[in-house]
Amino acid sequence: MRRFLKTLIIYILVASGAILMLMPFAWMVATSFKLPSEVEEWPPKWTSKNFLSERNVKVKVVEKVGGIDWRSLSIREAMAFVTLKKKGRNVLSLLIDDDPVRRGTLFIDFSSPNGGNPDYATRIDEESFQEFKKSLQNYKISSDLKKIFEEDDPPVFFSEIFSFYRSSKKPFLDRIDLVDR
């Protein structure tokens, strides 16, 4: 019995030492998933908002290239502006200015290559388009989705749509799905 107690105490001490030695490694792994603003929080937390299924995204709808807040421009965004050939009224710029995980700029060009009106739908026949239009008009939006999305404020609406399609249980904008398509 005495030998058993001695062995038990040794095992408890070794297990406690192993846990104590692994704590900094576990903290390092938990901190690697945190955003810089979360790392500098006091008191520190083991959890991160990266583990949440939904987030708020800050969005600025920009009317023209000169409307960007140049103080928050990263090298990648600056390169997009420099390489953008069409700096005009037919380019919609959406600056997604949130935590670094979800920051970026989305450009949607609304002009054709020859400079005229867009011709995105030239290969779609009228019958298919009307059928698609009817299916959209007959689509019933569930009540829980209606109360989620606020259509009066465009930045809030885009933020909610973006979060829903990227962070829901089955995200539509999942990177793996988009690469596979």
Protein backbone atom coordinates (compact mmCIF):
# COMPACT_ATOMS: atom_id res chain seq x y z
CA MET A 1 0.00 0.00 0.00
CA ARG A 2 2.84 2.36 0.82
CA ARG A 3 4.48 1.73 -2.54
CA PHE A 4 1.17 2.38 -4.30
CA LEU A 5 0.76 5.76 -2.55
CA LYS A 6 4.35 6.69 -3.44
CA THR A 7 3.76 5.80 -7.10
CA LEU A 8 0.44 7.69 -7.12
CA ILE A 9 2.06 10.84 -5.70
CA ILE A 10 4.84 10.64 -8.30
CA TYR A 11 2.31 10.27 -11.13
CA ILE A 12 0.26 13.21 -9.83
CA LEU A 13 3.41 15.38 -9.64
CA VAL A 14 4.52 14.36 -13.15
CA ALA A 15 1.04 15.01 -14.59
CA SER A 16 0.86 18.41 -12.85
CA GLY A 17 4.30 19.29 -14.20
CA ALA A 18 3.29 18.24 -17.72
CA ILE A 19 0.14 20.38 -17.57
CA LEU A 20 2.16 23.29 -16.21
CA MET A 21 4.69 22.92 -19.04
CA LEU A 22 1.96 22.71 -21.72
CA MET A 23 0.03 25.79 -20.54
CA PRO A 24 2.26 28.33 -22.38
CA PHE A 25 1.95 26.29 -25.58
CA ALA A 26 -1.85 26.16 -25.21
CA TRP A 27 -1.91 29.93 -24.57
CA MET A 28 0.24 30.49 -27.69
CA VAL A 29 -2.13 28.43 -29.85
CA ALA A 30 -5.21 30.20 -28.43
CA THR A 31 -3.60 33.61 -28.97
CA SER A 32 -2.68 32.81 -32.57
CA PHE A 33 -6.40 32.74 -33.44
CA LYS A 34 -7.04 36.14 -31.85
CA LEU A 35 -7.07 39.48 -33.61
CA PRO A 36 -4.46 42.08 -32.58
CA SER A 37 -7.09 44.04 -30.67
CA GLU A 38 -7.95 40.92 -28.66
CA VAL A 39 -4.33 40.07 -27.85
CA GLU A 40 -3.81 43.45 -26.19
CA GLU A 41 -6.97 43.25 -24.05
CA TRP A 42 -6.68 43.31 -20.29
CA PRO A 43 -7.57 41.11 -18.50
CA PRO A 44 -6.66 38.43 -21.03
CA LYS A 45 -9.27 35.89 -22.12
CA TRP A 46 -8.89 32.35 -23.40
CA THR A 47 -11.70 32.78 -25.93
CA SER A 48 -11.73 34.79 -29.13
CA LYS A 49 -14.46 36.41 -31.22
CA ASN A 50 -13.04 34.42 -34.16
CA PHE A 51 -14.90 31.45 -32.73
CA LEU A 52 -18.28 33.16 -33.09
CA SER A 53 -20.55 32.05 -35.89
CA GLU A 54 -21.67 35.60 -36.75
CA ARG A 55 -19.89 38.94 -36.93
CA ASN A 56 -20.54 42.54 -37.78
CA VAL A 57 -18.63 43.88 -40.77
CA LYS A 58 -17.91 47.59 -41.16
CA VAL A 59 -18.64 48.64 -44.73
CA LYS A 60 -18.20 51.97 -46.51
CA VAL A 61 -19.97 52.47 -49.83
CA VAL A 62 -17.67 54.69 -51.87
CA GLU A 63 -19.01 56.79 -54.73
CA LYS A 64 -15.64 57.44 -56.32
CA VAL A 65 -12.00 56.58 -55.78
CA GLY A 66 -11.26 59.93 -54.13
CA GLY A 67 -13.76 59.14 -51.36
CA ILE A 68 -11.55 56.52 -49.72
CA ASP A 69 -10.09 57.17 -46.29
CA TRP A 70 -6.43 57.12 -47.35
CA ARG A 71 -5.18 56.75 -43.76
CA SER A 72 -6.42 53.16 -43.63
CA LEU A 73 -5.19 52.12 -47.08
CA SER A 74 -3.05 48.98 -47.11
CA ILE A 75 -0.46 48.15 -49.77
CA ARG A 76 -2.83 45.64 -51.37
CA GLU A 77 -5.63 48.20 -51.59
CA ALA A 78 -3.26 50.87 -52.90
CA MET A 79 -2.09 48.45 -55.60
CA ALA A 80 -5.73 47.86 -56.60
CA PHE A 81 -6.23 51.60 -57.03
CA VAL A 82 -3.03 52.02 -59.03
CA THR A 83 -3.82 49.15 -61.39
CA LEU A 84 -7.46 50.14 -61.80
CA LYS A 85 -7.71 51.34 -65.38
CA LYS A 86 -11.25 52.69 -65.23
CA LYS A 87 -11.45 55.38 -62.59
CA GLY A 88 -14.86 56.69 -63.41
CA ARG A 89 -18.49 56.75 -62.60
CA ASN A 90 -19.16 53.17 -63.77
CA VAL A 91 -17.10 51.53 -61.02
CA LEU A 92 -18.71 50.72 -57.67
CA SER A 93 -16.18 50.45 -54.84
CA LEU A 94 -17.06 48.73 -51.59
CA LEU A 95 -14.41 49.07 -48.89
CA ILE A 96 -14.80 46.35 -46.26
CA ASP A 97 -12.98 47.94 -43.33
CA ASP A 98 -13.25 45.49 -40.46
CA ASP A 99 -10.73 43.45 -38.51
CA PRO A 100 -7.76 42.30 -40.66
CA VAL A 101 -9.37 38.91 -41.16
CA ARG A 102 -12.16 40.45 -43.26
CA ARG A 103 -10.62 43.61 -44.72
CA GLY A 104 -10.58 44.33 -48.43
CA THR A 105 -11.94 46.27 -51.35
CA LEU A 106 -14.50 45.03 -53.86
CA PHE A 107 -14.70 46.71 -57.27
CA ILE A 108 -17.70 46.13 -59.52
CA ASP A 109 -17.31 47.53 -63.03
CA PHE A 110 -20.57 48.51 -64.69
CA SER A 111 -19.26 49.27 -68.17
CA SER A 112 -18.52 47.15 -71.22
CA PRO A 113 -14.98 46.79 -72.65
CA ASN A 114 -15.77 49.34 -75.37
CA GLY A 115 -16.83 51.91 -72.75
CA GLY A 116 -20.57 51.69 -73.33
CA ASN A 117 -23.32 50.27 -71.20
CA PRO A 118 -22.74 46.84 -69.69
CA ASP A 119 -23.63 43.82 -71.77
CA TYR A 120 -23.46 41.09 -69.13
CA ALA A 121 -26.69 39.43 -70.22
CA THR A 122 -26.18 39.23 -73.99
CA ARG A 123 -25.92 35.43 -73.95
CA ILE A 124 -29.12 34.90 -71.97
CA ASP A 125 -32.30 34.34 -73.93
CA GLU A 126 -35.43 36.26 -72.94
CA GLU A 127 -37.43 33.17 -72.00
CA SER A 128 -34.80 31.92 -69.53
CA PHE A 129 -34.52 35.37 -68.00
CA GLN A 130 -38.29 35.71 -67.53
CA GLU A 131 -38.42 32.25 -65.95
CA PHE A 132 -35.64 33.20 -63.56
CA LYS A 133 -37.37 36.50 -62.77
CA LYS A 134 -40.63 34.70 -61.93
CA SER A 135 -38.81 32.26 -59.66
CA LEU A 136 -37.28 35.19 -57.77
CA GLN A 137 -40.61 36.97 -57.45
CA ASN A 138 -42.31 33.81 -56.15
CA TYR A 139 -39.54 33.04 -53.66
CA LYS A 140 -40.80 33.31 -50.09
CA ILE A 141 -38.32 34.72 -47.59
CA SER A 142 -38.66 33.15 -44.16
CA SER A 143 -39.72 35.39 -41.30
CA ASP A 144 -36.47 34.87 -39.39
CA LEU A 145 -34.49 36.18 -42.37
CA LYS A 146 -36.79 39.19 -42.75
CA LYS A 147 -36.14 40.30 -39.20
CA ILE A 148 -32.36 39.84 -39.56
CA PHE A 149 -31.88 42.12 -42.55
CA GLU A 150 -32.52 45.85 -42.36
CA GLU A 151 -32.89 47.30 -45.85
CA ASP A 152 -33.08 51.00 -44.92
CA ASP A 153 -29.35 51.42 -44.19
CA PRO A 154 -27.22 50.04 -47.11
CA PRO A 155 -23.96 49.55 -45.13
CA VAL A 156 -25.82 47.69 -42.37
CA PHE A 157 -27.73 45.63 -44.93
CA PHE A 158 -24.51 44.64 -46.77
CA SER A 159 -22.82 43.84 -43.46
CA GLU A 160 -25.67 41.55 -42.40
CA ILE A 161 -25.88 39.83 -45.79
CA PHE A 162 -22.09 39.36 -45.90
CA SER A 163 -22.03 37.91 -42.37
CA PHE A 164 -25.00 35.64 -43.08
CA TYR A 165 -23.59 34.24 -46.32
CA ARG A 166 -20.06 33.88 -44.94
CA SER A 167 -20.57 32.85 -41.32
CA SER A 168 -23.85 30.95 -41.11
CA LYS A 169 -24.14 27.20 -40.56
CA LYS A 170 -23.84 26.50 -44.31
CA PRO A 171 -22.12 29.61 -45.69
CA PHE A 172 -22.68 30.39 -49.36
CA LEU A 173 -19.45 32.40 -49.63
CA ASP A 174 -17.30 29.69 -48.09
CA ARG A 175 -13.82 29.73 -49.62
CA ILE A 176 -13.76 25.98 -50.19
CA ASP A 177 -17.10 26.03 -52.03
CA LEU A 178 -16.09 28.99 -54.20
CA VAL A 179 -12.81 27.32 -55.20
CA ASP A 180 -14.61 24.07 -56.07
CA ARG A 181 -17.23 25.79 -58.29
